[in-house]
Full PDB file with SEQRES, HELIX, SHEET, SSBOND, CRYST1, ORIGX, SCALE, CONECT and MASTER records, all heavy atoms in Angstrom:
SEQRES   1 A   39  ALA PRO LEU TYR ALA ALA GLY VAL CYS TRP ALA PHE GLY          
SEQRES   2 A   39  TYR ASP ILE ILE TYR ALA PHE GLN ASP LYS HIS ASP ASP          
SEQRES   3 A   39  PRO GLN ALA GLY VAL LYS SER THR ALA LEU ILE LEU GLU          
HELIX    1 AA1 PRO A    2  ALA A   19  1                                  18    
HELIX    2 AA2 PHE A   20  ASP A   22  5                                   3    
HELIX    3 AA3 ASP A   26  ALA A   29  1                                   4    
HELIX    4 AA4 THR A   34  LEU A   38  1                                   5    
CRYST1    1.000    1.000    1.000  90.00  90.00  90.00 P 1           1          
ORIGX1      1.000000  0.000000  0.000000        0.00000                         
ORIGX2      0.000000  1.000000  0.000000        0.00000                         
ORIGX3      0.000000  0.000000  1.000000        0.00000                         
SCALE1      1.000000  0.000000  0.000000        0.00000                         
SCALE2      0.000000  1.000000  0.000000        0.00000                         
SCALE3      0.000000  0.000000  1.000000        0.00000                         
ATOM      1  N   ALA A   1       0.816  -1.225   0.092  1.00  0.00           N  
ATOM      2  CA  ALA A   1      -0.001  -0.012  -0.120  1.00  0.00           C  
ATOM      3  C   ALA A   1       0.846   1.308   0.047  1.00  0.00           C  
ATOM      4  O   ALA A   1       0.641   2.127  -0.852  1.00  0.00           O  
ATOM      5  CB  ALA A   1      -0.977  -0.058   1.118  1.00  0.00           C  
ATOM      6  N   PRO A   2       1.743   1.417   0.976  1.00  0.00           N  
ATOM      7  CA  PRO A   2       2.621   2.633   0.851  1.00  0.00           C  
ATOM      8  C   PRO A   2       3.572   2.629  -0.351  1.00  0.00           C  
ATOM      9  O   PRO A   2       3.844   3.814  -0.916  1.00  0.00           O  
ATOM     10  CB  PRO A   2       3.504   2.569   2.154  1.00  0.00           C  
ATOM     11  CG  PRO A   2       3.408   1.205   2.557  1.00  0.00           C  
ATOM     12  CD  PRO A   2       2.135   0.595   2.086  1.00  0.00           C  
ATOM     13  N   LEU A   3       3.999   1.490  -0.849  1.00  0.00           N  
ATOM     14  CA  LEU A   3       4.894   1.606  -2.050  1.00  0.00           C  
ATOM     15  C   LEU A   3       4.074   2.002  -3.229  1.00  0.00           C  
ATOM     16  O   LEU A   3       4.543   2.728  -4.139  1.00  0.00           O  
ATOM     17  CB  LEU A   3       5.496   0.212  -2.315  1.00  0.00           C  
ATOM     18  CG  LEU A   3       6.460   0.078  -3.485  1.00  0.00           C  
ATOM     19  CD1 LEU A   3       7.689   0.981  -3.253  1.00  0.00           C  
ATOM     20  CD2 LEU A   3       7.029  -1.335  -3.529  1.00  0.00           C  
ATOM     21  N   TYR A   4       2.816   1.512  -3.292  1.00  0.00           N  
ATOM     22  CA  TYR A   4       1.886   1.863  -4.467  1.00  0.00           C  
ATOM     23  C   TYR A   4       1.538   3.427  -4.334  1.00  0.00           C  
ATOM     24  O   TYR A   4       1.522   4.121  -5.302  1.00  0.00           O  
ATOM     25  CB  TYR A   4       0.591   1.073  -4.353  1.00  0.00           C  
ATOM     26  CG  TYR A   4      -0.536   1.481  -5.323  1.00  0.00           C  
ATOM     27  CD1 TYR A   4      -0.177   1.504  -6.694  1.00  0.00           C  
ATOM     28  CD2 TYR A   4      -1.712   1.801  -4.962  1.00  0.00           C  
ATOM     29  CE1 TYR A   4      -1.171   1.897  -7.518  1.00  0.00           C  
ATOM     30  CE2 TYR A   4      -2.708   2.216  -5.748  1.00  0.00           C  
ATOM     31  CZ  TYR A   4      -2.413   2.220  -7.142  1.00  0.00           C  
ATOM     32  OH  TYR A   4      -3.422   2.535  -8.088  1.00  0.00           O  
ATOM     33  N   ALA A   5       1.275   3.889  -3.155  1.00  0.00           N  
ATOM     34  CA  ALA A   5       1.038   5.273  -2.899  1.00  0.00           C  
ATOM     35  C   ALA A   5       2.240   6.168  -3.378  1.00  0.00           C  
ATOM     36  O   ALA A   5       1.992   7.264  -3.927  1.00  0.00           O  
ATOM     37  CB  ALA A   5       0.783   5.509  -1.457  1.00  0.00           C  
ATOM     38  N   ALA A   6       3.356   5.654  -3.059  1.00  0.00           N  
ATOM     39  CA  ALA A   6       4.620   6.403  -3.540  1.00  0.00           C  
ATOM     40  C   ALA A   6       4.589   6.546  -5.104  1.00  0.00           C  
ATOM     41  O   ALA A   6       4.814   7.621  -5.724  1.00  0.00           O  
ATOM     42  CB  ALA A   6       5.891   5.770  -3.074  1.00  0.00           C  
ATOM     43  N   GLY A   7       4.322   5.484  -5.725  1.00  0.00           N  
ATOM     44  CA  GLY A   7       4.304   5.421  -7.304  1.00  0.00           C  
ATOM     45  C   GLY A   7       3.120   6.377  -7.761  1.00  0.00           C  
ATOM     46  O   GLY A   7       3.299   7.068  -8.742  1.00  0.00           O  
ATOM     47  N   VAL A   8       2.055   6.451  -7.032  1.00  0.00           N  
ATOM     48  CA  VAL A   8       0.944   7.231  -7.471  1.00  0.00           C  
ATOM     49  C   VAL A   8       1.344   8.705  -7.323  1.00  0.00           C  
ATOM     50  O   VAL A   8       1.081   9.514  -8.425  1.00  0.00           O  
ATOM     51  CB  VAL A   8      -0.371   6.977  -6.661  1.00  0.00           C  
ATOM     52  CG1 VAL A   8      -1.372   7.978  -6.952  1.00  0.00           C  
ATOM     53  CG2 VAL A   8      -0.894   5.630  -6.882  1.00  0.00           C  
ATOM     54  N   CYS A   9       1.961   9.106  -6.328  1.00  0.00           N  
ATOM     55  CA  CYS A   9       2.339  10.479  -6.231  1.00  0.00           C  
ATOM     56  C   CYS A   9       3.448  10.857  -7.169  1.00  0.00           C  
ATOM     57  O   CYS A   9       3.369  11.919  -7.847  1.00  0.00           O  
ATOM     58  CB  CYS A   9       3.023  10.694  -4.791  1.00  0.00           C  
ATOM     59  SG  CYS A   9       1.733  10.559  -3.356  1.00  0.00           S  
ATOM     60  N   TRP A  10       4.328   9.981  -7.444  1.00  0.00           N  
ATOM     61  CA  TRP A  10       5.359  10.261  -8.493  1.00  0.00           C  
ATOM     62  C   TRP A  10       4.709  10.468  -9.948  1.00  0.00           C  
ATOM     63  O   TRP A  10       5.072  11.429 -10.503  1.00  0.00           O  
ATOM     64  CB  TRP A  10       6.351   9.034  -8.446  1.00  0.00           C  
ATOM     65  CG  TRP A  10       7.461   9.062  -9.605  1.00  0.00           C  
ATOM     66  CD1 TRP A  10       8.395  10.157  -9.818  1.00  0.00           C  
ATOM     67  CD2 TRP A  10       7.634   8.117 -10.613  1.00  0.00           C  
ATOM     68  NE1 TRP A  10       9.186   9.788 -10.981  1.00  0.00           N  
ATOM     69  CE2 TRP A  10       8.655   8.490 -11.408  1.00  0.00           C  
ATOM     70  CE3 TRP A  10       6.997   6.965 -10.855  1.00  0.00           C  
ATOM     71  CZ2 TRP A  10       9.158   7.852 -12.410  1.00  0.00           C  
ATOM     72  CZ3 TRP A  10       7.484   6.139 -11.935  1.00  0.00           C  
ATOM     73  CH2 TRP A  10       8.566   6.560 -12.701  1.00  0.00           C  
ATOM     74  N   ALA A  11       3.925   9.507 -10.347  1.00  0.00           N  
ATOM     75  CA  ALA A  11       3.291   9.602 -11.611  1.00  0.00           C  
ATOM     76  C   ALA A  11       2.364  10.862 -11.688  1.00  0.00           C  
ATOM     77  O   ALA A  11       2.245  11.442 -12.764  1.00  0.00           O  
ATOM     78  CB  ALA A  11       2.609   8.326 -12.005  1.00  0.00           C  
ATOM     79  N   PHE A  12       1.630  10.970 -10.775  1.00  0.00           N  
ATOM     80  CA  PHE A  12       0.708  12.149 -10.665  1.00  0.00           C  
ATOM     81  C   PHE A  12       1.462  13.430 -10.947  1.00  0.00           C  
ATOM     82  O   PHE A  12       1.052  14.341 -11.763  1.00  0.00           O  
ATOM     83  CB  PHE A  12       0.065  12.165  -9.273  1.00  0.00           C  
ATOM     84  CG  PHE A  12      -1.217  13.083  -9.143  1.00  0.00           C  
ATOM     85  CD1 PHE A  12      -1.801  13.178  -7.859  1.00  0.00           C  
ATOM     86  CD2 PHE A  12      -1.655  13.951 -10.267  1.00  0.00           C  
ATOM     87  CE1 PHE A  12      -2.899  14.103  -7.843  1.00  0.00           C  
ATOM     88  CE2 PHE A  12      -2.616  14.835 -10.058  1.00  0.00           C  
ATOM     89  CZ  PHE A  12      -3.403  14.963  -8.832  1.00  0.00           C  
ATOM     90  N   GLY A  13       2.637  13.563 -10.255  1.00  0.00           N  
ATOM     91  CA  GLY A  13       3.348  14.826 -10.311  1.00  0.00           C  
ATOM     92  C   GLY A  13       3.977  14.910 -11.873  1.00  0.00           C  
ATOM     93  O   GLY A  13       3.885  16.064 -12.332  1.00  0.00           O  
ATOM     94  N   TYR A  14       4.560  13.838 -12.284  1.00  0.00           N  
ATOM     95  CA  TYR A  14       5.283  14.152 -13.645  1.00  0.00           C  
ATOM     96  C   TYR A  14       4.157  14.318 -14.747  1.00  0.00           C  
ATOM     97  O   TYR A  14       4.551  14.920 -15.671  1.00  0.00           O  
ATOM     98  CB  TYR A  14       6.317  13.023 -14.027  1.00  0.00           C  
ATOM     99  CG  TYR A  14       5.814  11.679 -14.224  1.00  0.00           C  
ATOM    100  CD1 TYR A  14       4.900  11.393 -15.247  1.00  0.00           C  
ATOM    101  CD2 TYR A  14       6.224  10.501 -13.438  1.00  0.00           C  
ATOM    102  CE1 TYR A  14       4.426   9.970 -15.656  1.00  0.00           C  
ATOM    103  CE2 TYR A  14       5.877   9.247 -13.713  1.00  0.00           C  
ATOM    104  CZ  TYR A  14       5.052   8.989 -14.852  1.00  0.00           C  
ATOM    105  OH  TYR A  14       4.607   7.716 -15.093  1.00  0.00           O  
ATOM    106  N   ASP A  15       3.036  13.799 -14.632  1.00  0.00           N  
ATOM    107  CA  ASP A  15       2.031  13.949 -15.658  1.00  0.00           C  
ATOM    108  C   ASP A  15       1.555  15.433 -15.544  1.00  0.00           C  
ATOM    109  O   ASP A  15       1.156  15.834 -16.630  1.00  0.00           O  
ATOM    110  CB  ASP A  15       0.866  12.943 -15.491  1.00  0.00           C  
ATOM    111  CG  ASP A  15       0.040  12.971 -16.773  1.00  0.00           C  
ATOM    112  OD1 ASP A  15       0.568  12.576 -17.852  1.00  0.00           O  
ATOM    113  OD2 ASP A  15      -1.205  13.265 -16.660  1.00  0.00           O  
ATOM    114  N   ILE A  16       1.425  16.041 -14.455  1.00  0.00           N  
ATOM    115  CA  ILE A  16       1.036  17.348 -14.369  1.00  0.00           C  
ATOM    116  C   ILE A  16       2.003  18.254 -15.138  1.00  0.00           C  
ATOM    117  O   ILE A  16       1.701  19.263 -15.927  1.00  0.00           O  
ATOM    118  CB  ILE A  16       1.000  17.835 -13.008  1.00  0.00           C  
ATOM    119  CG1 ILE A  16      -0.224  17.112 -12.281  1.00  0.00           C  
ATOM    120  CG2 ILE A  16       0.746  19.470 -12.852  1.00  0.00           C  
ATOM    121  CD1 ILE A  16      -0.353  17.529 -10.772  1.00  0.00           C  
ATOM    122  N   ILE A  17       3.336  18.029 -14.879  1.00  0.00           N  
ATOM    123  CA  ILE A  17       4.375  18.822 -15.717  1.00  0.00           C  
ATOM    124  C   ILE A  17       4.215  18.585 -17.087  1.00  0.00           C  
ATOM    125  O   ILE A  17       4.334  19.482 -17.921  1.00  0.00           O  
ATOM    126  CB  ILE A  17       5.781  18.376 -15.174  1.00  0.00           C  
ATOM    127  CG1 ILE A  17       5.992  18.731 -13.824  1.00  0.00           C  
ATOM    128  CG2 ILE A  17       6.802  18.966 -16.114  1.00  0.00           C  
ATOM    129  CD1 ILE A  17       7.318  18.305 -13.084  1.00  0.00           C  
ATOM    130  N   TYR A  18       3.925  17.277 -17.542  1.00  0.00           N  
ATOM    131  CA  TYR A  18       3.765  16.981 -18.980  1.00  0.00           C  
ATOM    132  C   TYR A  18       2.559  17.773 -19.534  1.00  0.00           C  
ATOM    133  O   TYR A  18       2.653  18.232 -20.622  1.00  0.00           O  
ATOM    134  CB  TYR A  18       3.558  15.519 -19.160  1.00  0.00           C  
ATOM    135  CG  TYR A  18       3.292  14.904 -20.463  1.00  0.00           C  
ATOM    136  CD1 TYR A  18       4.348  14.711 -21.294  1.00  0.00           C  
ATOM    137  CD2 TYR A  18       1.944  14.671 -21.010  1.00  0.00           C  
ATOM    138  CE1 TYR A  18       4.143  14.106 -22.606  1.00  0.00           C  
ATOM    139  CE2 TYR A  18       1.850  14.145 -22.229  1.00  0.00           C  
ATOM    140  CZ  TYR A  18       2.961  13.888 -23.103  1.00  0.00           C  
ATOM    141  OH  TYR A  18       2.736  13.368 -24.323  1.00  0.00           O  
ATOM    142  N   ALA A  19       1.557  17.816 -18.758  1.00  0.00           N  
ATOM    143  CA  ALA A  19       0.234  18.526 -19.223  1.00  0.00           C  
ATOM    144  C   ALA A  19       0.439  20.066 -19.448  1.00  0.00           C  
ATOM    145  O   ALA A  19      -0.224  20.578 -20.283  1.00  0.00           O  
ATOM    146  CB  ALA A  19      -0.908  18.237 -18.157  1.00  0.00           C  
ATOM    147  N   PHE A  20       1.353  20.629 -18.783  1.00  0.00           N  
ATOM    148  CA  PHE A  20       1.592  22.034 -18.959  1.00  0.00           C  
ATOM    149  C   PHE A  20       2.174  22.416 -20.370  1.00  0.00           C  
ATOM    150  O   PHE A  20       2.052  23.489 -20.814  1.00  0.00           O  
ATOM    151  CB  PHE A  20       2.502  22.578 -17.860  1.00  0.00           C  
ATOM    152  CG  PHE A  20       1.939  23.125 -16.700  1.00  0.00           C  
ATOM    153  CD1 PHE A  20       1.683  22.324 -15.549  1.00  0.00           C  
ATOM    154  CD2 PHE A  20       1.514  24.438 -16.578  1.00  0.00           C  
ATOM    155  CE1 PHE A  20       0.923  22.892 -14.468  1.00  0.00           C  
ATOM    156  CE2 PHE A  20       0.752  25.051 -15.540  1.00  0.00           C  
ATOM    157  CZ  PHE A  20       0.558  24.166 -14.437  1.00  0.00           C  
ATOM    158  N   GLN A  21       2.587  21.383 -21.058  1.00  0.00           N  
ATOM    159  CA  GLN A  21       3.098  21.582 -22.512  1.00  0.00           C  
ATOM    160  C   GLN A  21       1.909  22.118 -23.475  1.00  0.00           C  
ATOM    161  O   GLN A  21       2.086  22.928 -24.278  1.00  0.00           O  
ATOM    162  CB  GLN A  21       3.577  20.239 -23.099  1.00  0.00           C  
ATOM    163  CG  GLN A  21       4.794  19.650 -22.550  1.00  0.00           C  
ATOM    164  CD  GLN A  21       5.201  18.521 -23.207  1.00  0.00           C  
ATOM    165  OE1 GLN A  21       5.984  18.500 -24.225  1.00  0.00           O  
ATOM    166  NE2 GLN A  21       4.543  17.328 -22.837  1.00  0.00           N  
ATOM    167  N   ASP A  22       0.679  21.674 -23.120  1.00  0.00           N  
ATOM    168  CA  ASP A  22      -0.472  21.870 -23.952  1.00  0.00           C  
ATOM    169  C   ASP A  22      -1.482  22.709 -23.418  1.00  0.00           C  
ATOM    170  O   ASP A  22      -2.668  22.746 -23.906  1.00  0.00           O  
ATOM    171  CB  ASP A  22      -0.982  20.475 -24.325  1.00  0.00           C  
ATOM    172  CG  ASP A  22      -0.156  19.449 -24.948  1.00  0.00           C  
ATOM    173  OD1 ASP A  22       0.842  19.989 -25.681  1.00  0.00           O  
ATOM    174  OD2 ASP A  22      -0.159  18.271 -24.570  1.00  0.00           O  
ATOM    175  N   LYS A  23      -1.183  23.475 -22.365  1.00  0.00           N  
ATOM    176  CA  LYS A  23      -2.209  24.197 -21.710  1.00  0.00           C  
ATOM    177  C   LYS A  23      -2.817  25.301 -22.630  1.00  0.00           C  
ATOM    178  O   LYS A  23      -4.039  25.750 -22.314  1.00  0.00           O  
ATOM    179  CB  LYS A  23      -1.661  24.934 -20.460  1.00  0.00           C  
ATOM    180  CG  LYS A  23      -0.606  25.948 -20.735  1.00  0.00           C  
ATOM    181  CD  LYS A  23      -0.289  26.614 -19.376  1.00  0.00           C  
ATOM    182  CE  LYS A  23       0.645  27.881 -19.671  1.00  0.00           C  
ATOM    183  NZ  LYS A  23       0.986  28.568 -18.367  1.00  0.00           N  
ATOM    184  N   HIS A  24      -2.198  25.751 -23.633  1.00  0.00           N  
ATOM    185  CA  HIS A  24      -2.736  26.760 -24.581  1.00  0.00           C  
ATOM    186  C   HIS A  24      -3.675  26.114 -25.611  1.00  0.00           C  
ATOM    187  O   HIS A  24      -4.578  26.642 -26.123  1.00  0.00           O  
ATOM    188  CB  HIS A  24      -1.630  27.615 -25.136  1.00  0.00           C  
ATOM    189  CG  HIS A  24      -0.830  28.457 -24.283  1.00  0.00           C  
ATOM    190  ND1 HIS A  24      -1.338  29.388 -23.339  1.00  0.00           N  
ATOM    191  CD2 HIS A  24       0.500  28.316 -23.979  1.00  0.00           C  
ATOM    192  CE1 HIS A  24      -0.439  29.849 -22.720  1.00  0.00           C  
ATOM    193  NE2 HIS A  24       0.720  29.339 -23.044  1.00  0.00           N  
ATOM    194  N   ASP A  25      -3.397  24.904 -25.958  1.00  0.00           N  
ATOM    195  CA  ASP A  25      -4.133  24.207 -26.984  1.00  0.00           C  
ATOM    196  C   ASP A  25      -5.290  23.331 -26.477  1.00  0.00           C  
ATOM    197  O   ASP A  25      -6.340  23.127 -27.140  1.00  0.00           O  
ATOM    198  CB  ASP A  25      -3.271  23.187 -27.853  1.00  0.00           C  
ATOM    199  CG  ASP A  25      -2.284  24.055 -28.802  1.00  0.00           C  
ATOM    200  OD1 ASP A  25      -2.556  25.073 -29.086  1.00  0.00           O  
ATOM    201  OD2 ASP A  25      -1.292  23.446 -29.084  1.00  0.00           O  
ATOM    202  N   ASP A  26      -5.171  22.857 -25.246  1.00  0.00           N  
ATOM    203  CA  ASP A  26      -6.173  21.965 -24.615  1.00  0.00           C  
ATOM    204  C   ASP A  26      -7.568  22.589 -24.591  1.00  0.00           C  
ATOM    205  O   ASP A  26      -8.430  21.765 -24.929  1.00  0.00           O  
ATOM    206  CB  ASP A  26      -5.744  21.553 -23.222  1.00  0.00           C  
ATOM    207  CG  ASP A  26      -4.709  20.415 -23.300  1.00  0.00           C  
ATOM    208  OD1 ASP A  26      -4.407  19.854 -24.366  1.00  0.00           O  
ATOM    209  OD2 ASP A  26      -4.081  20.135 -22.255  1.00  0.00           O  
ATOM    210  N   PRO A  27      -7.776  23.790 -24.181  1.00  0.00           N  
ATOM    211  CA  PRO A  27      -9.287  24.382 -24.217  1.00  0.00           C  
ATOM    212  C   PRO A  27      -9.929  24.212 -25.448  1.00  0.00           C  
ATOM    213  O   PRO A  27     -11.015  23.862 -25.553  1.00  0.00           O  
ATOM    214  CB  PRO A  27      -8.978  25.722 -23.770  1.00  0.00           C  
ATOM    215  CG  PRO A  27      -7.654  25.701 -22.996  1.00  0.00           C  
ATOM    216  CD  PRO A  27      -6.816  24.786 -23.696  1.00  0.00           C  
ATOM    217  N   GLN A  28      -9.260  24.608 -26.679  1.00  0.00           N  
ATOM    218  CA  GLN A  28      -9.872  24.573 -27.953  1.00  0.00           C  
ATOM    219  C   GLN A  28     -10.180  23.118 -28.373  1.00  0.00           C  
ATOM    220  O   GLN A  28     -10.983  22.759 -29.215  1.00  0.00           O  
ATOM    221  CB  GLN A  28      -9.096  25.356 -28.954  1.00  0.00           C  
ATOM    222  CG  GLN A  28      -7.804  24.876 -29.361  1.00  0.00           C  
ATOM    223  CD  GLN A  28      -7.139  25.563 -30.404  1.00  0.00           C  
ATOM    224  OE1 GLN A  28      -7.570  26.621 -30.877  1.00  0.00           O  
ATOM    225  NE2 GLN A  28      -6.000  25.016 -30.991  1.00  0.00           N  
ATOM    226  N   ALA A  29      -9.232  22.111 -27.868  1.00  0.00           N  
ATOM    227  CA  ALA A  29      -9.356  20.743 -28.215  1.00  0.00           C  
ATOM    228  C   ALA A  29     -10.427  20.057 -27.296  1.00  0.00           C  
ATOM    229  O   ALA A  29     -10.773  18.896 -27.572  1.00  0.00           O  
ATOM    230  CB  ALA A  29      -8.090  20.057 -28.203  1.00  0.00           C  
ATOM    231  N   GLY A  30     -10.935  20.694 -26.325  1.00  0.00           N  
ATOM    232  CA  GLY A  30     -11.948  20.161 -25.389  1.00  0.00           C  
ATOM    233  C   GLY A  30     -11.233  19.159 -24.467  1.00  0.00           C  
ATOM    234  O   GLY A  30     -11.923  18.292 -23.819  1.00  0.00           O  
ATOM    235  N   VAL A  31      -9.964  19.391 -24.172  1.00  0.00           N  
ATOM    236  CA  VAL A  31      -9.266  18.553 -23.144  1.00  0.00           C  
ATOM    237  C   VAL A  31      -9.396  19.173 -21.824  1.00  0.00           C  
ATOM    238  O   VAL A  31      -8.940  20.445 -21.716  1.00  0.00           O  
ATOM    239  CB  VAL A  31      -7.776  18.331 -23.590  1.00  0.00           C  
ATOM    240  CG1 VAL A  31      -7.030  17.541 -22.614  1.00  0.00           C  
ATOM    241  CG2 VAL A  31      -7.713  17.601 -24.975  1.00  0.00           C  
ATOM    242  N   LYS A  32      -9.682  18.426 -20.811  1.00  0.00           N  
ATOM    243  CA  LYS A  32      -9.640  18.940 -19.519  1.00  0.00           C  
ATOM    244  C   LYS A  32      -8.410  18.268 -18.849  1.00  0.00           C  
ATOM    245  O   LYS A  32      -8.317  17.186 -18.616  1.00  0.00           O  
ATOM    246  CB  LYS A  32     -10.847  18.483 -18.724  1.00  0.00           C  
ATOM    247  CG  LYS A  32     -12.220  18.992 -19.140  1.00  0.00           C  
ATOM    248  CD  LYS A  32     -13.374  18.448 -18.382  1.00  0.00           C  
ATOM    249  CE  LYS A  32     -14.612  19.259 -18.761  1.00  0.00           C  
ATOM    250  NZ  LYS A  32     -15.016  19.079 -20.215  1.00  0.00           N  
ATOM    251  N   SER A  33      -7.335  19.184 -18.622  1.00  0.00           N  
ATOM    252  CA  SER A  33      -6.226  18.683 -18.039  1.00  0.00           C  
ATOM    253  C   SER A  33      -5.939  19.202 -16.624  1.00  0.00           C  
ATOM    254  O   SER A  33      -6.433  20.381 -16.252  1.00  0.00           O  
ATOM    255  CB  SER A  33      -5.048  18.996 -18.835  1.00  0.00           C  
ATOM    256  OG  SER A  33      -4.524  20.295 -18.674  1.00  0.00           O  
ATOM    257  N   THR A  34      -5.188  18.578 -15.827  1.00  0.00           N  
ATOM    258  CA  THR A  34      -4.865  19.074 -14.483  1.00  0.00           C  
ATOM    259  C   THR A  34      -4.168  20.401 -14.463  1.00  0.00           C  
ATOM    260  O   THR A  34      -4.225  21.316 -13.693  1.00  0.00           O  
ATOM    261  CB  THR A  34      -3.999  18.088 -13.651  1.00  0.00           C  
ATOM    262  OG1 THR A  34      -4.796  16.752 -13.750  1.00  0.00           O  
ATOM    263  CG2 THR A  34      -4.009  18.457 -12.213  1.00  0.00           C  
ATOM    264  N   ALA A  35      -3.328  20.592 -15.526  1.00  0.00           N  
ATOM    265  CA  ALA A  35      -2.578  21.798 -15.688  1.00  0.00           C  
ATOM    266  C   ALA A  35      -3.429  23.058 -15.822  1.00  0.00           C  
ATOM    267  O   ALA A  35      -3.204  24.091 -15.280  1.00  0.00           O  
ATOM    268  CB  ALA A  35      -1.650  21.780 -17.006  1.00  0.00           C  
ATOM    269  N   LEU A  36      -4.611  22.841 -16.442  1.00  0.00           N  
ATOM    270  CA  LEU A  36      -5.611  23.970 -16.593  1.00  0.00           C  
ATOM    271  C   LEU A  36      -6.117  24.473 -15.247  1.00  0.00           C  
ATOM    272  O   LEU A  36      -6.444  25.550 -15.015  1.00  0.00           O  
ATOM    273  CB  LEU A  36      -6.653  23.567 -17.560  1.00  0.00           C  
ATOM    274  CG  LEU A  36      -6.281  23.355 -18.949  1.00  0.00           C  
ATOM    275  CD1 LEU A  36      -7.423  22.882 -19.789  1.00  0.00           C  
ATOM    276  CD2 LEU A  36      -5.564  24.550 -19.631  1.00  0.00           C  
ATOM    277  N   ILE A  37      -6.426  23.431 -14.403  1.00  0.00           N  
ATOM    278  CA  ILE A  37      -7.007  23.889 -13.101  1.00  0.00           C  
ATOM    279  C   ILE A  37      -6.081  24.333 -12.137  1.00  0.00           C  
ATOM    280  O   ILE A  37      -6.321  25.107 -11.153  1.00  0.00           O  
ATOM    281  CB  ILE A  37      -7.899  22.646 -12.591  1.00  0.00           C  
ATOM    282  CG1 ILE A  37      -8.844  23.132 -11.526  1.00  0.00           C  
ATOM    283  CG2 ILE A  37      -6.924  21.639 -11.880  1.00  0.00           C  
ATOM    284  CD1 ILE A  37      -9.917  22.036 -11.140  1.00  0.00           C  
ATOM    285  N   LEU A  38      -4.761  23.984 -12.291  1.00  0.00           N  
ATOM    286  CA  LEU A  38      -3.642  24.422 -11.396  1.00  0.00           C  
ATOM    287  C   LEU A  38      -2.934  25.603 -11.818  1.00  0.00           C  
ATOM    288  O   LEU A  38      -2.139  26.319 -11.052  1.00  0.00           O  
ATOM    289  CB  LEU A  38      -2.689  23.286 -11.249  1.00  0.00           C  
ATOM    290  CG  LEU A  38      -3.121  22.015 -10.370  1.00  0.00           C  
ATOM    291  CD1 LEU A  38      -2.038  21.022 -10.391  1.00  0.00           C  
ATOM    292  CD2 LEU A  38      -3.608  22.392  -8.984  1.00  0.00           C  
ATOM    293  N   GLU A  39      -3.086  25.984 -13.077  1.00  0.00           N  
ATOM    294  CA  GLU A  39      -2.396  27.017 -13.658  1.00  0.00           C  
ATOM    295  C   GLU A  39      -2.246  28.330 -12.913  1.00  0.00           C  
ATOM    296  O   GLU A  39      -1.123  28.896 -12.642  1.00  0.00           O  
ATOM    297  CB  GLU A  39      -2.908  27.354 -15.085  1.00  0.00           C  
ATOM    298  CG  GLU A  39      -2.199  28.441 -15.776  1.00  0.00           C  
ATOM    299  CD  GLU A  39      -2.688  28.889 -17.193  1.00  0.00           C  
ATOM    300  OE1 GLU A  39      -3.761  28.239 -17.484  1.00  0.00           O  
ATOM    301  OE2 GLU A  39      -2.022  29.561 -17.984  1.00  0.00           O  
TER     302      GLU A  39                                                      
MASTER        0    0    0    4    0    0    0    6  301    1    0    3          
END                                                                             
């Protein structure tokens, strides 16, 4: 359980960074990304 939780936090974080690449294009594409809500 804690090892899985560690992996969840890690992947959650790097995918947010990844999502910031597309924050300008995502709204017109209809994509809801975590980067948009955290910007």
